[in-house]
Amino acid sequence: MKTIMNAEDLTTIETKAIPDEDVDWAKQMADNYKRFRKNRQALRALERKINLTLDELEARVVAKTTRKRGYEI
């Protein structure tokens, strides 16, 4: 952890180390979080694809329905 008092005073720096018994746990938690963020990003991409596909399907169904019944929008 770094503590900087102001932009001109860069002399106050504090660091805090992770205890040796928690290093493996901290690495695992960091890896879990990275995997979570990557998977969440992939889910957002899939959601966009699904929504685009549903929009296209809706447009085709509406177009087909309006043509068969003579309704023009």
PDB file of N, CA and C in Angstrom:
ATOM      1  N   MET A   1       0.855  -1.171   0.000  1.00  0.00           N
ATOM      2  CA  MET A   1       0.000   0.000   0.000  1.00  0.00           C
ATOM      3  C   MET A   1       0.893   1.224   0.000  1.00  0.00           C
ATOM      4  N   LYS A   2       0.636   2.143  -0.895  1.00  0.00           N
ATOM      5  CA  LYS A   2       1.407   3.375  -0.965  1.00  0.00           C
ATOM      6  C   LYS A   2       0.532   4.527  -0.512  1.00  0.00           C
ATOM      7  N   THR A   3       1.087   5.362   0.330  1.00  0.00           N
ATOM      8  CA  THR A   3       0.367   6.544   0.774  1.00  0.00           C
ATOM      9  C   THR A   3       1.165   7.756   0.343  1.00  0.00           C
ATOM     10  N   ILE A   4       0.590   8.582  -0.492  1.00  0.00           N
ATOM     11  CA  ILE A   4       1.255   9.797  -0.960  1.00  0.00           C
ATOM     12  C   ILE A   4       0.465  10.973  -0.429  1.00  0.00           C
ATOM     13  N   MET A   5       1.149  11.847   0.296  1.00  0.00           N
ATOM     14  CA  MET A   5       0.474  12.968   0.939  1.00  0.00           C
ATOM     15  C   MET A   5      -0.047  13.971  -0.088  1.00  0.00           C
ATOM     16  N   ASN A   6       0.784  14.353  -1.047  1.00  0.00           N
ATOM     17  CA  ASN A   6       0.353  15.227  -2.132  1.00  0.00           C
ATOM     18  C   ASN A   6       1.258  14.980  -3.328  1.00  0.00           C
ATOM     19  N   ALA A   7       0.991  15.635  -4.417  1.00  0.00           N
ATOM     20  CA  ALA A   7       1.730  15.374  -5.646  1.00  0.00           C
ATOM     21  C   ALA A   7       3.199  15.759  -5.530  1.00  0.00           C
ATOM     22  N   GLU A   8       3.521  16.763  -4.728  1.00  0.00           N
ATOM     23  CA  GLU A   8       4.907  17.206  -4.606  1.00  0.00           C
ATOM     24  C   GLU A   8       5.693  16.366  -3.604  1.00  0.00           C
ATOM     25  N   ASP A   9       5.015  15.793  -2.622  1.00  0.00           N
ATOM     26  CA  ASP A   9       5.689  15.055  -1.557  1.00  0.00           C
ATOM     27  C   ASP A   9       5.577  13.562  -1.822  1.00  0.00           C
ATOM     28  N   LEU A  10       6.608  12.992  -2.418  1.00  0.00           N
ATOM     29  CA  LEU A  10       6.609  11.566  -2.734  1.00  0.00           C
ATOM     30  C   LEU A  10       7.458  10.790  -1.737  1.00  0.00           C
ATOM     31  N   THR A  11       7.677  11.339  -0.562  1.00  0.00           N
ATOM     32  CA  THR A  11       8.569  10.694   0.400  1.00  0.00           C
ATOM     33  C   THR A  11       7.844   9.750   1.341  1.00  0.00           C
ATOM     34  N   THR A  12       6.549   9.860   1.497  1.00  0.00           N
ATOM     35  CA  THR A  12       5.809   9.023   2.436  1.00  0.00           C
ATOM     36  C   THR A  12       5.235   7.821   1.704  1.00  0.00           C
ATOM     37  N   ILE A  13       5.917   6.701   1.794  1.00  0.00           N
ATOM     38  CA  ILE A  13       5.465   5.477   1.138  1.00  0.00           C
ATOM     39  C   ILE A  13       5.442   4.365   2.178  1.00  0.00           C
ATOM     40  N   GLU A  14       4.310   3.706   2.305  1.00  0.00           N
ATOM     41  CA  GLU A  14       4.173   2.577   3.216  1.00  0.00           C
ATOM     42  C   GLU A  14       3.857   1.336   2.392  1.00  0.00           C
ATOM     43  N   THR A  15       4.451   0.236   2.756  1.00  0.00           N
ATOM     44  CA  THR A  15       4.127  -1.021   2.090  1.00  0.00           C
ATOM     45  C   THR A  15       3.669  -2.016   3.139  1.00  0.00           C
ATOM     46  N   LYS A  16       2.819  -2.917   2.732  1.00  0.00           N
ATOM     47  CA  LYS A  16       2.326  -3.944   3.643  1.00  0.00           C
ATOM     48  C   LYS A  16       2.430  -5.279   2.921  1.00  0.00           C
ATOM     49  N   ALA A  17       3.165  -6.188   3.486  1.00  0.00           N
ATOM     50  CA  ALA A  17       3.372  -7.488   2.859  1.00  0.00           C
ATOM     51  C   ALA A  17       2.294  -8.463   3.313  1.00  0.00           C
ATOM     52  N   ILE A  18       2.010  -9.414   2.463  1.00  0.00           N
ATOM     53  CA  ILE A  18       1.074 -10.484   2.801  1.00  0.00           C
ATOM     54  C   ILE A  18       1.840 -11.493   3.657  1.00  0.00           C
ATOM     55  N   PRO A  19       1.265 -11.928   4.764  1.00  0.00           N
ATOM     56  CA  PRO A  19       1.945 -12.939   5.591  1.00  0.00           C
ATOM     57  C   PRO A  19       2.221 -14.198   4.773  1.00  0.00           C
ATOM     58  N   ASP A  20       3.332 -14.853   5.078  1.00  0.00           N
ATOM     59  CA  ASP A  20       3.742 -16.040   4.322  1.00  0.00           C
ATOM     60  C   ASP A  20       2.649 -17.100   4.259  1.00  0.00           C
ATOM     61  N   GLU A  21       1.902 -17.277   5.336  1.00  0.00           N
ATOM     62  CA  GLU A  21       0.879 -18.327   5.347  1.00  0.00           C
ATOM     63  C   GLU A  21      -0.320 -17.980   4.457  1.00  0.00           C
ATOM     64  N   ASP A  22      -0.434 -16.729   4.034  1.00  0.00           N
ATOM     65  CA  ASP A  22      -1.557 -16.313   3.190  1.00  0.00           C
ATOM     66  C   ASP A  22      -1.189 -16.114   1.721  1.00  0.00           C
ATOM     67  N   VAL A  23       0.070 -16.326   1.363  1.00  0.00           N
ATOM     68  CA  VAL A  23       0.505 -16.074  -0.015  1.00  0.00           C
ATOM     69  C   VAL A  23      -0.234 -16.975  -0.996  1.00  0.00           C
ATOM     70  N   ASP A  24      -0.286 -18.275  -0.712  1.00  0.00           N
ATOM     71  CA  ASP A  24      -0.978 -19.199  -1.626  1.00  0.00           C
ATOM     72  C   ASP A  24      -2.457 -18.845  -1.741  1.00  0.00           C
ATOM     73  N   TRP A  25      -3.080 -18.526  -0.616  1.00  0.00           N
ATOM     74  CA  TRP A  25      -4.494 -18.133  -0.615  1.00  0.00           C
ATOM     75  C   TRP A  25      -4.709 -16.870  -1.448  1.00  0.00           C
ATOM     76  N   ALA A  26      -3.836 -15.878  -1.274  1.00  0.00           N
ATOM     77  CA  ALA A  26      -3.969 -14.623  -2.016  1.00  0.00           C
ATOM     78  C   ALA A  26      -3.809 -14.852  -3.515  1.00  0.00           C
ATOM     79  N   LYS A  27      -2.874 -15.708  -3.893  1.00  0.00           N
ATOM     80  CA  LYS A  27      -2.691 -16.025  -5.316  1.00  0.00           C
ATOM     81  C   LYS A  27      -3.932 -16.713  -5.870  1.00  0.00           C
ATOM     82  N   GLN A  28      -4.483 -17.649  -5.101  1.00  0.00           N
ATOM     83  CA  GLN A  28      -5.689 -18.358  -5.539  1.00  0.00           C
ATOM     84  C   GLN A  28      -6.856 -17.391  -5.704  1.00  0.00           C
ATOM     85  N   MET A  29      -7.025 -16.483  -4.754  1.00  0.00           N
ATOM     86  CA  MET A  29      -8.109 -15.503  -4.835  1.00  0.00           C
ATOM     87  C   MET A  29      -7.927 -14.589  -6.048  1.00  0.00           C
ATOM     88  N   ALA A  30      -6.692 -14.178  -6.311  1.00  0.00           N
ATOM     89  CA  ALA A  30      -6.421 -13.328  -7.472  1.00  0.00           C
ATOM     90  C   ALA A  30      -6.721 -14.077  -8.766  1.00  0.00           C
ATOM     91  N   ASP A  31      -6.307 -15.343  -8.833  1.00  0.00           N
ATOM     92  CA  ASP A  31      -6.592 -16.153 -10.026  1.00  0.00           C
ATOM     93  C   ASP A  31      -8.093 -16.368 -10.204  1.00  0.00           C
ATOM     94  N   ASN A  32      -8.790 -16.622  -9.093  1.00  0.00           N
ATOM     95  CA  ASN A  32     -10.244 -16.793  -9.168  1.00  0.00           C
ATOM     96  C   ASN A  32     -10.914 -15.535  -9.706  1.00  0.00           C
ATOM     97  N   TYR A  33     -10.480 -14.388  -9.222  1.00  0.00           N
ATOM     98  CA  TYR A  33     -11.089 -13.131  -9.653  1.00  0.00           C
ATOM     99  C   TYR A  33     -10.801 -12.864 -11.126  1.00  0.00           C
ATOM    100  N   LYS A  34      -9.586 -13.147 -11.579  1.00  0.00           N
ATOM    101  CA  LYS A  34      -9.253 -12.967 -13.000  1.00  0.00           C
ATOM    102  C   LYS A  34     -10.131 -13.864 -13.868  1.00  0.00           C
ATOM    103  N   ARG A  35     -10.305 -15.121 -13.428  1.00  0.00           N
ATOM    104  CA  ARG A  35     -11.146 -16.048 -14.189  1.00  0.00           C
ATOM    105  C   ARG A  35     -12.600 -15.578 -14.196  1.00  0.00           C
ATOM    106  N   PHE A  36     -13.071 -15.088 -13.057  1.00  0.00           N
ATOM    107  CA  PHE A  36     -14.428 -14.557 -12.967  1.00  0.00           C
ATOM    108  C   PHE A  36     -14.628 -13.408 -13.942  1.00  0.00           C
ATOM    109  N   ARG A  37     -13.711 -12.442 -13.977  1.00  0.00           N
ATOM    110  CA  ARG A  37     -13.843 -11.285 -14.869  1.00  0.00           C
ATOM    111  C   ARG A  37     -13.811 -11.723 -16.336  1.00  0.00           C
ATOM    112  N   LYS A  38     -12.943 -12.671 -16.660  1.00  0.00           N
ATOM    113  CA  LYS A  38     -12.854 -13.166 -18.038  1.00  0.00           C
ATOM    114  C   LYS A  38     -14.155 -13.857 -18.442  1.00  0.00           C
ATOM    115  N   ASN A  39     -14.690 -14.691 -17.551  1.00  0.00           N
ATOM    116  CA  ASN A  39     -15.944 -15.388 -17.851  1.00  0.00           C
ATOM    117  C   ASN A  39     -17.121 -14.428 -17.926  1.00  0.00           C
ATOM    118  N   ARG A  40     -17.119 -13.419 -17.085  1.00  0.00           N
ATOM    119  CA  ARG A  40     -18.200 -12.429 -17.135  1.00  0.00           C
ATOM    120  C   ARG A  40     -18.169 -11.670 -18.461  1.00  0.00           C
ATOM    121  N   GLN A  41     -16.971 -11.357 -18.932  1.00  0.00           N
ATOM    122  CA  GLN A  41     -16.836 -10.683 -20.225  1.00  0.00           C
ATOM    123  C   GLN A  41     -17.358 -11.585 -21.347  1.00  0.00           C
ATOM    124  N   ALA A  42     -17.038 -12.870 -21.271  1.00  0.00           N
ATOM    125  CA  ALA A  42     -17.522 -13.812 -22.282  1.00  0.00           C
ATOM    126  C   ALA A  42     -19.047 -13.916 -22.240  1.00  0.00           C
ATOM    127  N   LEU A  43     -19.620 -13.911 -21.047  1.00  0.00           N
ATOM    128  CA  LEU A  43     -21.078 -13.951 -20.926  1.00  0.00           C
ATOM    129  C   LEU A  43     -21.731 -12.716 -21.533  1.00  0.00           C
ATOM    130  N   ARG A  44     -21.123 -11.555 -21.334  1.00  0.00           N
ATOM    131  CA  ARG A  44     -21.677 -10.331 -21.934  1.00  0.00           C
ATOM    132  C   ARG A  44     -21.645 -10.420 -23.454  1.00  0.00           C
ATOM    133  N   ALA A  45     -20.573 -10.980 -24.010  1.00  0.00           N
ATOM    134  CA  ALA A  45     -20.483 -11.137 -25.462  1.00  0.00           C
ATOM    135  C   ALA A  45     -21.565 -12.094 -25.964  1.00  0.00           C
ATOM    136  N   LEU A  46     -21.771 -13.197 -25.251  1.00  0.00           N
ATOM    137  CA  LEU A  46     -22.827 -14.137 -25.640  1.00  0.00           C
ATOM    138  C   LEU A  46     -24.206 -13.504 -25.542  1.00  0.00           C
ATOM    139  N   GLU A  47     -24.415 -12.719 -24.505  1.00  0.00           N
ATOM    140  CA  GLU A  47     -25.709 -12.049 -24.345  1.00  0.00           C
ATOM    141  C   GLU A  47     -25.979 -11.105 -25.519  1.00  0.00           C
ATOM    142  N   ARG A  48     -24.945 -10.386 -25.956  1.00  0.00           N
ATOM    143  CA  ARG A  48     -25.114  -9.500 -27.115  1.00  0.00           C
ATOM    144  C   ARG A  48     -25.493 -10.298 -28.357  1.00  0.00           C
ATOM    145  N   LYS A  49     -24.823 -11.445 -28.572  1.00  0.00           N
ATOM    146  CA  LYS A  49     -25.131 -12.278 -29.735  1.00  0.00           C
ATOM    147  C   LYS A  49     -26.559 -12.816 -29.664  1.00  0.00           C
ATOM    148  N   ILE A  50     -26.957 -13.265 -28.493  1.00  0.00           N
ATOM    149  CA  ILE A  50     -28.318 -13.788 -28.320  1.00  0.00           C
ATOM    150  C   ILE A  50     -29.343 -12.704 -28.610  1.00  0.00           C
ATOM    151  N   ASN A  51     -29.128 -11.518 -28.074  1.00  0.00           N
ATOM    152  CA  ASN A  51     -30.072 -10.421 -28.294  1.00  0.00           C
ATOM    153  C   ASN A  51     -30.147 -10.028 -29.766  1.00  0.00           C
ATOM    154  N   LEU A  52     -29.008  -9.993 -30.451  1.00  0.00           N
ATOM    155  CA  LEU A  52     -29.027  -9.688 -31.889  1.00  0.00           C
ATOM    156  C   LEU A  52     -29.801 -10.755 -32.660  1.00  0.00           C
ATOM    157  N   THR A  53     -29.581 -12.017 -32.322  1.00  0.00           N
ATOM    158  CA  THR A  53     -30.284 -13.109 -32.992  1.00  0.00           C
ATOM    159  C   THR A  53     -31.787 -13.030 -32.740  1.00  0.00           C
ATOM    160  N   LEU A  54     -32.166 -12.742 -31.512  1.00  0.00           N
ATOM    161  CA  LEU A  54     -33.595 -12.597 -31.201  1.00  0.00           C
ATOM    162  C   LEU A  54     -34.206 -11.409 -31.938  1.00  0.00           C
ATOM    163  N   ASP A  55     -33.472 -10.312 -32.037  1.00  0.00           N
ATOM    164  CA  ASP A  55     -33.969  -9.155 -32.782  1.00  0.00           C
ATOM    165  C   ASP A  55     -34.178  -9.494 -34.253  1.00  0.00           C
ATOM    166  N   GLU A  56     -33.229 -10.242 -34.839  1.00  0.00           N
ATOM    167  CA  GLU A  56     -33.366 -10.641 -36.239  1.00  0.00           C
ATOM    168  C   GLU A  56     -34.563 -11.572 -36.423  1.00  0.00           C
ATOM    169  N   LEU A  57     -34.722 -12.519 -35.520  1.00  0.00           N
ATOM    170  CA  LEU A  57     -35.859 -13.440 -35.592  1.00  0.00           C
ATOM    171  C   LEU A  57     -37.174 -12.679 -35.478  1.00  0.00           C
ATOM    172  N   GLU A  58     -37.245 -11.765 -34.542  1.00  0.00           N
ATOM    173  CA  GLU A  58     -38.462 -10.964 -34.370  1.00  0.00           C
ATOM    174  C   GLU A  58     -38.782 -10.184 -35.642  1.00  0.00           C
ATOM    175  N   ALA A  59     -37.766  -9.583 -36.242  1.00  0.00           N
ATOM    176  CA  ALA A  59     -37.985  -8.804 -37.462  1.00  0.00           C
ATOM    177  C   ALA A  59     -38.505  -9.696 -38.590  1.00  0.00           C
ATOM    178  N   ARG A  60     -37.943 -10.915 -38.714  1.00  0.00           N
ATOM    179  CA  ARG A  60     -38.404 -11.829 -39.762  1.00  0.00           C
ATOM    180  C   ARG A  60     -39.836 -12.295 -39.517  1.00  0.00           C
ATOM    181  N   VAL A  61     -40.162 -12.594 -38.271  1.00  0.00           N
ATOM    182  CA  VAL A  61     -41.522 -13.048 -37.952  1.00  0.00           C
ATOM    183  C   VAL A  61     -42.525 -11.934 -38.223  1.00  0.00           C
ATOM    184  N   VAL A  62     -42.204 -10.727 -37.808  1.00  0.00           N
ATOM    185  CA  VAL A  62     -43.106  -9.594 -38.036  1.00  0.00           C
ATOM    186  C   VAL A  62     -43.265  -9.343 -39.530  1.00  0.00           C
ATOM    187  N   ALA A  63     -42.161  -9.386 -40.275  1.00  0.00           N
ATOM    188  CA  ALA A  63     -42.236  -9.149 -41.718  1.00  0.00           C
ATOM    189  C   ALA A  63     -43.081 -10.224 -42.401  1.00  0.00           C
ATOM    190  N   LYS A  64     -42.878 -11.472 -42.017  1.00  0.00           N
ATOM    191  CA  LYS A  64     -43.634 -12.573 -42.613  1.00  0.00           C
ATOM    192  C   LYS A  64     -45.120 -12.449 -42.267  1.00  0.00           C
ATOM    193  N   THR A  65     -45.430 -12.117 -41.047  1.00  0.00           N
ATOM    194  CA  THR A  65     -46.819 -12.000 -40.608  1.00  0.00           C
ATOM    195  C   THR A  65     -47.527 -10.856 -41.317  1.00  0.00           C
ATOM    196  N   THR A  66     -46.877  -9.719 -41.432  1.00  0.00           N
ATOM    197  CA  THR A  66     -47.525  -8.568 -42.071  1.00  0.00           C
ATOM    198  C   THR A  66     -47.740  -8.811 -43.559  1.00  0.00           C
ATOM    199  N   ARG A  67     -46.835  -9.534 -44.205  1.00  0.00           N
ATOM    200  CA  ARG A  67     -47.010  -9.825 -45.634  1.00  0.00           C
ATOM    201  C   ARG A  67     -48.178 -10.773 -45.867  1.00  0.00           C
ATOM    202  N   LYS A  68     -48.313 -11.794 -45.046  1.00  0.00           N
ATOM    203  CA  LYS A  68     -49.367 -12.787 -45.252  1.00  0.00           C
ATOM    204  C   LYS A  68     -50.756 -12.219 -45.009  1.00  0.00           C
ATOM    205  N   ARG A  69     -50.880 -11.272 -44.134  1.00  0.00           N
ATOM    206  CA  ARG A  69     -52.187 -10.712 -43.804  1.00  0.00           C
ATOM    207  C   ARG A  69     -52.447  -9.385 -44.510  1.00  0.00           C
ATOM    208  N   GLY A  70     -51.489  -8.907 -45.240  1.00  0.00           N
ATOM    209  CA  GLY A  70     -51.699  -7.668 -45.975  1.00  0.00           C
ATOM    210  C   GLY A  70     -51.537  -6.414 -45.136  1.00  0.00           C
ATOM    211  N   TYR A  71     -51.037  -6.572 -43.937  1.00  0.00           N
ATOM    212  CA  TYR A  71     -50.808  -5.395 -43.097  1.00  0.00           C
ATOM    213  C   TYR A  71     -49.434  -4.829 -43.413  1.00  0.00           C
ATOM    214  N   GLU A  72     -49.384  -3.591 -43.680  1.00  0.00           N
ATOM    215  CA  GLU A  72     -48.102  -2.943 -43.941  1.00  0.00           C
ATOM    216  C   GLU A  72     -47.829  -1.945 -42.838  1.00  0.00           C
ATOM    217  N   ILE A  73     -46.678  -2.048 -42.273  1.00  0.00           N
ATOM    218  CA  ILE A  73     -46.298  -1.143 -41.181  1.00  0.00           C
ATOM    219  C   ILE A  73     -45.417  -0.041 -41.723  1.00  0.00           C
TER     220      ILE A  73
END
